[in-house]
Amino acid sequence: MSKIEKTGCVAFTGHRGYGGEADAELRRVTERLYAEGYRCFITGMSWGFDLAAGLAVAESKRLHDDVRLVAAEPFAGFRDLFEGRWAEAYDAVLAAADERVCVCDSKSPSSYMRRNDYLVDNSALLVAWYDGSPRGGTAYTVKRARRMRMTVINLKPSPQLELF
């Protein structure tokens, strides 16, 4: 598994139930971060917000030849869990990715958490779709980023986020 330079790198985390509500804002934020000097973007490849973010970065790559997209999968064979439109989105993001990272060799109870650690450990900023719920992978990732004093841009404003 490769280690990437944190400076200039953005990671995305969000709920799987994301339904495209902030797609336009996601593209605007990605472009704003590019203008601020960020060139590397990491998506965790789960359905919902992760893949929407990956597609937004893929669009940005068509505009800027120095954008780098990293597809961080929790385990080898993760793609096998996808079907329909999510499988199509997964394949599109993977096709646009400059690097594919499988955090774990196989699925385990900790593989998603280790993928979320990879997102935080390899980025300087986190863009989230976080509803403030206290449990789950998105909550874990946002809390960990906050503990590490990372900037978190939440595209789903939540008063609970201020508690961290």
N, C-alpha and C. Protein backbone atom coordinates (compact mmCIF):
# COMPACT_ATOMS: atom_id res chain seq x y z
N MET A 1 0.84 -1.17 0.00
CA MET A 1 0.00 0.00 0.00
C MET A 1 0.89 1.24 0.00
N SER A 2 0.59 2.15 -0.88
CA SER A 2 1.44 3.33 -1.00
C SER A 2 1.05 4.41 0.00
N LYS A 3 2.02 5.18 0.37
CA LYS A 3 1.82 6.34 1.23
C LYS A 3 1.96 7.55 0.33
N ILE A 4 1.03 8.48 0.40
CA ILE A 4 1.09 9.65 -0.46
C ILE A 4 1.34 10.89 0.36
N GLU A 5 1.81 11.92 -0.28
CA GLU A 5 2.11 13.18 0.38
C GLU A 5 0.82 13.86 0.81
N LYS A 6 0.68 14.14 2.11
CA LYS A 6 -0.54 14.73 2.65
C LYS A 6 -0.80 16.15 2.15
N THR A 7 0.25 16.92 2.04
CA THR A 7 0.10 18.30 1.64
C THR A 7 -0.50 18.37 0.24
N GLY A 8 -1.51 19.15 0.10
CA GLY A 8 -2.16 19.28 -1.20
C GLY A 8 -3.10 18.15 -1.53
N CYS A 9 -3.46 17.35 -0.52
CA CYS A 9 -4.33 16.20 -0.76
C CYS A 9 -5.62 16.32 0.04
N VAL A 10 -6.73 15.99 -0.60
CA VAL A 10 -8.07 16.06 -0.03
C VAL A 10 -8.67 14.66 -0.01
N ALA A 11 -9.35 14.29 1.06
CA ALA A 11 -10.09 13.02 1.12
C ALA A 11 -11.58 13.33 1.24
N PHE A 12 -12.38 12.37 0.82
CA PHE A 12 -13.84 12.49 0.90
C PHE A 12 -14.40 11.38 1.76
N THR A 13 -15.41 11.71 2.55
CA THR A 13 -16.15 10.71 3.33
C THR A 13 -17.60 11.13 3.39
N GLY A 14 -18.49 10.16 3.36
CA GLY A 14 -19.91 10.51 3.42
C GLY A 14 -20.79 9.29 3.49
N HIS A 15 -22.03 9.56 3.73
CA HIS A 15 -23.00 8.48 3.92
C HIS A 15 -23.36 7.79 2.61
N ARG A 16 -23.60 6.50 2.73
CA ARG A 16 -23.97 5.69 1.57
C ARG A 16 -25.36 6.04 1.06
N GLY A 17 -26.19 6.64 1.90
CA GLY A 17 -27.53 7.03 1.49
C GLY A 17 -27.58 8.35 0.73
N TYR A 18 -26.43 8.93 0.48
CA TYR A 18 -26.37 10.18 -0.26
C TYR A 18 -27.05 9.98 -1.62
N GLY A 19 -27.92 10.93 -1.97
CA GLY A 19 -28.68 10.80 -3.21
C GLY A 19 -28.43 11.89 -4.23
N GLY A 20 -27.28 12.54 -4.17
CA GLY A 20 -26.96 13.55 -5.17
C GLY A 20 -27.36 14.96 -4.79
N GLU A 21 -27.82 15.15 -3.55
CA GLU A 21 -28.32 16.45 -3.12
C GLU A 21 -27.30 17.59 -3.26
N ALA A 22 -26.04 17.28 -3.15
CA ALA A 22 -25.01 18.34 -3.18
C ALA A 22 -24.04 18.16 -4.34
N ASP A 23 -24.46 17.51 -5.40
CA ASP A 23 -23.53 17.27 -6.52
C ASP A 23 -22.95 18.56 -7.09
N ALA A 24 -23.79 19.58 -7.27
CA ALA A 24 -23.30 20.85 -7.82
C ALA A 24 -22.32 21.49 -6.84
N GLU A 25 -22.65 21.47 -5.55
CA GLU A 25 -21.75 22.04 -4.54
C GLU A 25 -20.45 21.24 -4.47
N LEU A 26 -20.54 19.94 -4.62
CA LEU A 26 -19.35 19.08 -4.61
C LEU A 26 -18.40 19.47 -5.75
N ARG A 27 -18.95 19.71 -6.92
CA ARG A 27 -18.11 20.15 -8.05
C ARG A 27 -17.50 21.53 -7.77
N ARG A 28 -18.29 22.44 -7.20
CA ARG A 28 -17.77 23.78 -6.88
C ARG A 28 -16.65 23.70 -5.84
N VAL A 29 -16.85 22.90 -4.81
CA VAL A 29 -15.82 22.76 -3.76
C VAL A 29 -14.55 22.15 -4.34
N THR A 30 -14.70 21.15 -5.18
CA THR A 30 -13.54 20.51 -5.81
C THR A 30 -12.76 21.54 -6.63
N GLU A 31 -13.46 22.36 -7.39
CA GLU A 31 -12.80 23.39 -8.18
C GLU A 31 -12.17 24.46 -7.29
N ARG A 32 -12.84 24.84 -6.21
CA ARG A 32 -12.27 25.82 -5.28
C ARG A 32 -10.99 25.29 -4.65
N LEU A 33 -11.02 24.01 -4.24
CA LEU A 33 -9.83 23.41 -3.64
C LEU A 33 -8.70 23.31 -4.66
N TYR A 34 -9.02 23.04 -5.90
CA TYR A 34 -8.00 23.04 -6.95
C TYR A 34 -7.38 24.44 -7.04
N ALA A 35 -8.22 25.47 -7.05
CA ALA A 35 -7.72 26.85 -7.14
C ALA A 35 -6.83 27.20 -5.93
N GLU A 36 -7.07 26.55 -4.79
CA GLU A 36 -6.27 26.79 -3.59
C GLU A 36 -4.98 25.96 -3.57
N GLY A 37 -4.79 25.12 -4.58
CA GLY A 37 -3.54 24.38 -4.68
C GLY A 37 -3.63 22.89 -4.44
N TYR A 38 -4.80 22.39 -4.10
CA TYR A 38 -4.95 20.95 -3.89
C TYR A 38 -4.97 20.25 -5.25
N ARG A 39 -4.20 19.17 -5.36
CA ARG A 39 -4.11 18.45 -6.63
C ARG A 39 -4.43 16.96 -6.50
N CYS A 40 -4.37 16.43 -5.30
CA CYS A 40 -4.62 15.01 -5.07
C CYS A 40 -5.93 14.85 -4.30
N PHE A 41 -6.78 13.96 -4.78
CA PHE A 41 -8.09 13.73 -4.18
C PHE A 41 -8.27 12.23 -3.98
N ILE A 42 -8.67 11.83 -2.75
CA ILE A 42 -8.82 10.41 -2.42
C ILE A 42 -10.29 10.13 -2.12
N THR A 43 -10.83 9.12 -2.77
CA THR A 43 -12.19 8.67 -2.47
C THR A 43 -12.13 7.25 -1.90
N GLY A 44 -13.03 6.98 -0.95
CA GLY A 44 -13.09 5.67 -0.32
C GLY A 44 -13.89 4.65 -1.10
N MET A 45 -14.47 5.02 -2.22
CA MET A 45 -15.09 4.12 -3.20
C MET A 45 -16.40 3.47 -2.76
N SER A 46 -16.99 3.85 -1.64
CA SER A 46 -18.28 3.29 -1.26
C SER A 46 -19.39 3.98 -2.06
N TRP A 47 -20.53 3.28 -2.19
CA TRP A 47 -21.65 3.87 -2.91
C TRP A 47 -22.12 5.09 -2.13
N GLY A 48 -22.80 5.97 -2.79
CA GLY A 48 -23.25 7.21 -2.17
C GLY A 48 -22.24 8.32 -2.39
N PHE A 49 -21.93 9.03 -1.32
CA PHE A 49 -21.10 10.24 -1.42
C PHE A 49 -19.70 9.96 -1.95
N ASP A 50 -19.08 8.85 -1.55
CA ASP A 50 -17.71 8.55 -2.01
C ASP A 50 -17.64 8.51 -3.53
N LEU A 51 -18.57 7.79 -4.14
CA LEU A 51 -18.54 7.68 -5.61
C LEU A 51 -18.94 8.99 -6.27
N ALA A 52 -19.87 9.73 -5.67
CA ALA A 52 -20.23 11.05 -6.21
C ALA A 52 -19.00 11.96 -6.21
N ALA A 53 -18.23 11.91 -5.13
CA ALA A 53 -17.01 12.71 -5.05
C ALA A 53 -16.00 12.26 -6.10
N GLY A 54 -15.85 10.96 -6.26
CA GLY A 54 -14.95 10.44 -7.28
C GLY A 54 -15.34 10.90 -8.68
N LEU A 55 -16.64 10.92 -8.97
CA LEU A 55 -17.11 11.39 -10.27
C LEU A 55 -16.86 12.89 -10.45
N ALA A 56 -17.00 13.67 -9.37
CA ALA A 56 -16.71 15.11 -9.44
C ALA A 56 -15.23 15.34 -9.73
N VAL A 57 -14.37 14.54 -9.11
CA VAL A 57 -12.93 14.67 -9.37
C VAL A 57 -12.61 14.22 -10.79
N ALA A 58 -13.25 13.17 -11.27
CA ALA A 58 -13.04 12.72 -12.65
C ALA A 58 -13.39 13.84 -13.63
N GLU A 59 -14.45 14.58 -13.33
CA GLU A 59 -14.83 15.72 -14.16
C GLU A 59 -13.75 16.80 -14.10
N SER A 60 -13.22 17.04 -12.91
CA SER A 60 -12.16 18.03 -12.74
C SER A 60 -10.89 17.63 -13.51
N LYS A 61 -10.63 16.33 -13.55
CA LYS A 61 -9.46 15.83 -14.30
C LYS A 61 -9.56 16.16 -15.79
N ARG A 62 -10.77 16.24 -16.30
CA ARG A 62 -10.94 16.60 -17.72
C ARG A 62 -10.60 18.07 -17.97
N LEU A 63 -10.71 18.88 -16.91
CA LEU A 63 -10.40 20.31 -17.02
C LEU A 63 -8.94 20.63 -16.69
N HIS A 64 -8.34 19.82 -15.82
CA HIS A 64 -6.99 20.10 -15.31
C HIS A 64 -6.15 18.83 -15.40
N ASP A 65 -5.08 18.89 -16.16
CA ASP A 65 -4.28 17.68 -16.37
C ASP A 65 -3.37 17.32 -15.19
N ASP A 66 -3.34 18.17 -14.15
CA ASP A 66 -2.49 17.87 -13.00
C ASP A 66 -3.29 17.38 -11.78
N VAL A 67 -4.58 17.11 -11.96
CA VAL A 67 -5.38 16.54 -10.87
C VAL A 67 -5.10 15.05 -10.79
N ARG A 68 -4.95 14.57 -9.56
CA ARG A 68 -4.68 13.15 -9.31
C ARG A 68 -5.80 12.56 -8.47
N LEU A 69 -6.36 11.45 -8.91
CA LEU A 69 -7.44 10.77 -8.19
C LEU A 69 -6.93 9.43 -7.68
N VAL A 70 -7.13 9.20 -6.38
CA VAL A 70 -6.75 7.94 -5.75
C VAL A 70 -8.02 7.22 -5.30
N ALA A 71 -8.18 5.99 -5.75
CA ALA A 71 -9.31 5.15 -5.36
C ALA A 71 -8.85 4.24 -4.22
N ALA A 72 -9.32 4.51 -3.01
CA ALA A 72 -8.91 3.74 -1.83
C ALA A 72 -10.02 2.74 -1.47
N GLU A 73 -9.77 1.48 -1.76
CA GLU A 73 -10.74 0.42 -1.49
C GLU A 73 -10.43 -0.22 -0.14
N PRO A 74 -11.47 -0.57 0.63
CA PRO A 74 -11.21 -1.17 1.95
C PRO A 74 -10.59 -2.56 1.87
N PHE A 75 -10.87 -3.31 0.81
CA PHE A 75 -10.32 -4.66 0.67
C PHE A 75 -10.40 -5.10 -0.79
N ALA A 76 -9.55 -6.05 -1.14
CA ALA A 76 -9.56 -6.62 -2.49
C ALA A 76 -10.91 -7.29 -2.72
N GLY A 77 -11.47 -7.09 -3.88
CA GLY A 77 -12.76 -7.68 -4.20
C GLY A 77 -13.94 -6.81 -3.79
N PHE A 78 -13.70 -5.61 -3.29
CA PHE A 78 -14.76 -4.70 -2.87
C PHE A 78 -15.73 -4.42 -4.02
N ARG A 79 -15.21 -4.32 -5.22
CA ARG A 79 -16.02 -4.04 -6.41
C ARG A 79 -17.14 -5.06 -6.59
N ASP A 80 -16.93 -6.28 -6.15
CA ASP A 80 -17.93 -7.35 -6.31
C ASP A 80 -19.23 -7.06 -5.57
N LEU A 81 -19.24 -6.12 -4.64
CA LEU A 81 -20.44 -5.77 -3.87
C LEU A 81 -21.38 -4.83 -4.62
N PHE A 82 -20.95 -4.34 -5.77
CA PHE A 82 -21.70 -3.30 -6.48
C PHE A 82 -22.47 -3.87 -7.66
N GLU A 83 -23.64 -3.26 -7.91
CA GLU A 83 -24.41 -3.63 -9.10
C GLU A 83 -25.20 -2.41 -9.56
N GLY A 84 -25.73 -2.50 -10.76
CA GLY A 84 -26.54 -1.41 -11.31
C GLY A 84 -25.78 -0.11 -11.46
N ARG A 85 -26.46 0.98 -11.13
CA ARG A 85 -25.85 2.31 -11.34
C ARG A 85 -24.61 2.51 -10.48
N TRP A 86 -24.58 1.87 -9.29
CA TRP A 86 -23.40 2.01 -8.44
C TRP A 86 -22.21 1.28 -9.05
N ALA A 87 -22.44 0.17 -9.70
CA ALA A 87 -21.35 -0.54 -10.38
C ALA A 87 -20.81 0.31 -11.52
N GLU A 88 -21.71 0.96 -12.25
CA GLU A 88 -21.29 1.84 -13.35
C GLU A 88 -20.48 3.02 -12.81
N ALA A 89 -20.94 3.61 -11.72
CA ALA A 89 -20.21 4.73 -11.12
C ALA A 89 -18.85 4.27 -10.62
N TYR A 90 -18.82 3.10 -9.98
CA TYR A 90 -17.56 2.54 -9.47
C TYR A 90 -16.56 2.38 -10.61
N ASP A 91 -17.02 1.77 -11.69
CA ASP A 91 -16.13 1.53 -12.83
C ASP A 91 -15.65 2.84 -13.46
N ALA A 92 -16.52 3.85 -13.51
CA ALA A 92 -16.13 5.14 -14.07
C ALA A 92 -15.07 5.82 -13.20
N VAL A 93 -15.25 5.77 -11.89
CA VAL A 93 -14.27 6.37 -10.98
C VAL A 93 -12.95 5.61 -11.07
N LEU A 94 -13.02 4.30 -11.09
CA LEU A 94 -11.80 3.49 -11.18
C LEU A 94 -11.06 3.76 -12.49
N ALA A 95 -11.81 3.92 -13.58
CA ALA A 95 -11.19 4.21 -14.88
C ALA A 95 -10.48 5.57 -14.87
N ALA A 96 -11.02 6.52 -14.10
CA ALA A 96 -10.42 7.86 -14.02
C ALA A 96 -9.28 7.93 -13.00
N ALA A 97 -9.19 6.94 -12.13
CA ALA A 97 -8.20 6.98 -11.05
C ALA A 97 -6.77 6.85 -11.57
N ASP A 98 -5.89 7.59 -10.94
CA ASP A 98 -4.46 7.50 -11.25
C ASP A 98 -3.81 6.40 -10.42
N GLU A 99 -4.44 6.07 -9.29
CA GLU A 99 -3.90 5.04 -8.42
C GLU A 99 -5.06 4.33 -7.73
N ARG A 100 -4.91 3.03 -7.59
CA ARG A 100 -5.88 2.19 -6.89
C ARG A 100 -5.16 1.59 -5.69
N VAL A 101 -5.69 1.83 -4.49
CA VAL A 101 -5.09 1.33 -3.27
C VAL A 101 -6.09 0.40 -2.58
N CYS A 102 -5.70 -0.86 -2.38
CA CYS A 102 -6.49 -1.80 -1.57
C CYS A 102 -5.87 -1.79 -0.18
N VAL A 103 -6.59 -1.28 0.79
CA VAL A 103 -6.05 -1.11 2.12
C VAL A 103 -5.83 -2.46 2.81
N CYS A 104 -6.73 -3.42 2.59
CA CYS A 104 -6.61 -4.76 3.19
C CYS A 104 -6.71 -5.82 2.09
N ASP A 105 -6.06 -6.93 2.31
CA ASP A 105 -6.11 -8.02 1.33
C ASP A 105 -7.48 -8.66 1.24
N SER A 106 -8.17 -8.74 2.39
CA SER A 106 -9.48 -9.39 2.39
C SER A 106 -10.42 -8.65 3.34
N LYS A 107 -11.71 -8.91 3.18
CA LYS A 107 -12.72 -8.28 4.02
C LYS A 107 -12.59 -8.78 5.45
N SER A 108 -12.64 -7.84 6.39
CA SER A 108 -12.57 -8.17 7.81
C SER A 108 -13.38 -7.12 8.56
N PRO A 109 -13.66 -7.34 9.82
CA PRO A 109 -14.40 -6.33 10.58
C PRO A 109 -13.71 -4.98 10.63
N SER A 110 -12.40 -4.97 10.46
CA SER A 110 -11.67 -3.70 10.55
C SER A 110 -11.29 -3.10 9.20
N SER A 111 -11.61 -3.75 8.10
CA SER A 111 -11.14 -3.25 6.80
C SER A 111 -11.70 -1.87 6.45
N TYR A 112 -12.95 -1.61 6.77
CA TYR A 112 -13.52 -0.29 6.48
C TYR A 112 -12.86 0.77 7.37
N MET A 113 -12.64 0.45 8.64
CA MET A 113 -11.99 1.39 9.55
C MET A 113 -10.56 1.69 9.08
N ARG A 114 -9.86 0.68 8.64
CA ARG A 114 -8.49 0.89 8.15
C ARG A 114 -8.50 1.74 6.89
N ARG A 115 -9.49 1.55 6.02
CA ARG A 115 -9.63 2.42 4.84
C ARG A 115 -9.88 3.85 5.28
N ASN A 116 -10.74 4.06 6.26
CA ASN A 116 -11.03 5.40 6.75
C ASN A 116 -9.80 6.04 7.39
N ASP A 117 -9.00 5.24 8.09
CA ASP A 117 -7.72 5.74 8.62
C ASP A 117 -6.81 6.18 7.48
N TYR A 118 -6.78 5.40 6.41
CA TYR A 118 -5.95 5.75 5.25
C TYR A 118 -6.37 7.11 4.69
N LEU A 119 -7.69 7.35 4.60
CA LEU A 119 -8.17 8.63 4.09
C LEU A 119 -7.63 9.79 4.91
N VAL A 120 -7.75 9.69 6.23
CA VAL A 120 -7.31 10.77 7.12
C VAL A 120 -5.79 10.87 7.14
N ASP A 121 -5.11 9.75 7.21
CA ASP A 121 -3.65 9.75 7.33
C ASP A 121 -2.94 10.27 6.09
N ASN A 122 -3.63 10.28 4.96
CA ASN A 122 -2.99 10.66 3.70
C ASN A 122 -3.57 11.93 3.09
N SER A 123 -4.21 12.75 3.91
CA SER A 123 -4.78 13.99 3.39
C SER A 123 -4.60 15.13 4.39
N ALA A 124 -4.73 16.33 3.87
CA ALA A 124 -4.61 17.52 4.70
C ALA A 124 -5.97 18.13 4.99
N LEU A 125 -7.00 17.70 4.27
CA LEU A 125 -8.33 18.29 4.38
C LEU A 125 -9.36 17.20 4.07
N LEU A 126 -10.51 17.27 4.73
CA LEU A 126 -11.56 16.29 4.53
C LEU A 126 -12.83 16.99 4.08
N VAL A 127 -13.43 16.49 3.00
CA VAL A 127 -14.74 16.96 2.55
C VAL A 127 -15.73 15.86 2.88
N ALA A 128 -16.81 16.23 3.60
CA ALA A 128 -17.75 15.23 4.10
C ALA A 128 -19.18 15.52 3.69
N TRP A 129 -19.97 14.47 3.73
CA TRP A 129 -21.43 14.55 3.69
C TRP A 129 -21.85 13.84 4.97
N TYR A 130 -21.90 14.62 6.07
CA TYR A 130 -22.07 14.05 7.40
C TYR A 130 -23.30 14.65 8.05
N ASP A 131 -24.23 13.77 8.47
CA ASP A 131 -25.50 14.22 9.05
C ASP A 131 -25.47 14.36 10.57
N GLY A 132 -24.33 14.14 11.19
CA GLY A 132 -24.21 14.30 12.63
C GLY A 132 -24.50 13.05 13.43
N SER A 133 -24.85 11.95 12.77
CA SER A 133 -25.12 10.72 13.51
C SER A 133 -23.85 10.28 14.24
N PRO A 134 -23.98 9.75 15.45
CA PRO A 134 -22.80 9.46 16.27
C PRO A 134 -22.05 8.19 15.88
N ARG A 135 -22.64 7.33 15.07
CA ARG A 135 -22.00 6.06 14.74
C ARG A 135 -21.85 5.90 13.24
N GLY A 136 -20.98 4.98 12.87
CA GLY A 136 -20.77 4.66 11.46
C GLY A 136 -19.43 5.16 10.97
N GLY A 137 -19.11 4.76 9.76
CA GLY A 137 -17.81 5.08 9.17
C GLY A 137 -17.59 6.56 8.94
N THR A 138 -18.63 7.26 8.51
CA THR A 138 -18.49 8.70 8.28
C THR A 138 -18.23 9.42 9.60
N ALA A 139 -18.99 9.07 10.63
CA ALA A 139 -18.78 9.68 11.95
C ALA A 139 -17.36 9.39 12.44
N TYR A 140 -16.93 8.16 12.31
CA TYR A 140 -15.58 7.78 12.73
C TYR A 140 -14.52 8.63 12.01
N THR A 141 -14.67 8.76 10.71
CA THR A 141 -13.68 9.48 9.90
C THR A 141 -13.67 10.96 10.23
N VAL A 142 -14.84 11.56 10.36
CA VAL A 142 -14.92 12.99 10.71
C VAL A 142 -14.33 13.23 12.09
N LYS A 143 -14.68 12.40 13.06
CA LYS A 143 -14.14 12.56 14.42
C LYS A 143 -12.62 12.42 14.44
N ARG A 144 -12.13 11.45 13.70
CA ARG A 144 -10.67 11.24 13.66
C ARG A 144 -9.97 12.43 13.02
N ALA A 145 -10.54 12.95 11.94
CA ALA A 145 -9.96 14.12 11.29
C ALA A 145 -9.96 15.32 12.23
N ARG A 146 -11.04 15.51 12.96
CA ARG A 146 -11.11 16.61 13.92
C ARG A 146 -10.06 16.45 15.03
N ARG A 147 -9.91 15.21 15.53
CA ARG A 147 -8.89 14.97 16.57
C ARG A 147 -7.49 15.30 16.04
N MET A 148 -7.28 15.11 14.76
CA MET A 148 -5.97 15.40 14.16
C MET A 148 -5.88 16.86 13.70
N ARG A 149 -6.89 17.65 14.07
CA ARG A 149 -6.94 19.08 13.77
C ARG A 149 -6.97 19.39 12.28
N MET A 150 -7.58 18.50 11.51
CA MET A 150 -7.75 18.72 10.08
C MET A 150 -8.98 19.60 9.84
N THR A 151 -8.93 20.36 8.78
CA THR A 151 -10.11 21.10 8.35
C THR A 151 -11.10 20.10 7.77
N VAL A 152 -12.36 20.23 8.17
CA VAL A 152 -13.43 19.40 7.62
C VAL A 152 -14.46 20.33 6.99
N ILE A 153 -14.70 20.14 5.72
CA ILE A 153 -15.76 20.87 5.02
C ILE A 153 -16.94 19.92 4.93
N ASN A 154 -18.02 20.26 5.63
CA ASN A 154 -19.21 19.42 5.62
C ASN A 154 -20.24 20.01 4.68
N LEU A 155 -20.56 19.29 3.63
CA LEU A 155 -21.53 19.78 2.67
C LEU A 155 -22.97 19.53 3.11
N LYS A 156 -23.15 18.82 4.20
CA LYS A 156 -24.47 18.64 4.81
C LYS A 156 -24.38 19.26 6.21
N PRO A 157 -24.62 20.55 6.32
CA PRO A 157 -24.44 21.21 7.61
C PRO A 157 -25.19 20.50 8.73
N SER A 158 -24.49 20.35 9.84
CA SER A 158 -25.02 19.63 10.98
C SER A 158 -24.53 20.29 12.26
N PRO A 159 -25.43 20.73 13.13
CA PRO A 159 -24.97 21.33 14.38
C PRO A 159 -24.17 20.36 15.24
N GLN A 160 -24.44 19.05 15.11
CA GLN A 160 -23.70 18.06 15.90
C GLN A 160 -22.22 18.07 15.56
N LEU A 161 -21.86 18.45 14.35
CA LEU A 161 -20.46 18.44 13.93
C LEU A 161 -19.63 19.36 14.83
N GLU A 162 -20.25 20.40 15.35
CA GLU A 162 -19.51 21.34 16.20
C GLU A 162 -19.11 20.72 17.52
N LEU A 163 -19.67 19.59 17.88
CA LEU A 163 -19.33 18.95 19.15
C LEU A 163 -17.95 18.32 19.14
N PHE A 164 -17.38 18.09 17.99
CA PHE A 164 -16.11 17.38 17.90
C PHE A 164 -14.96 18.32 17.99
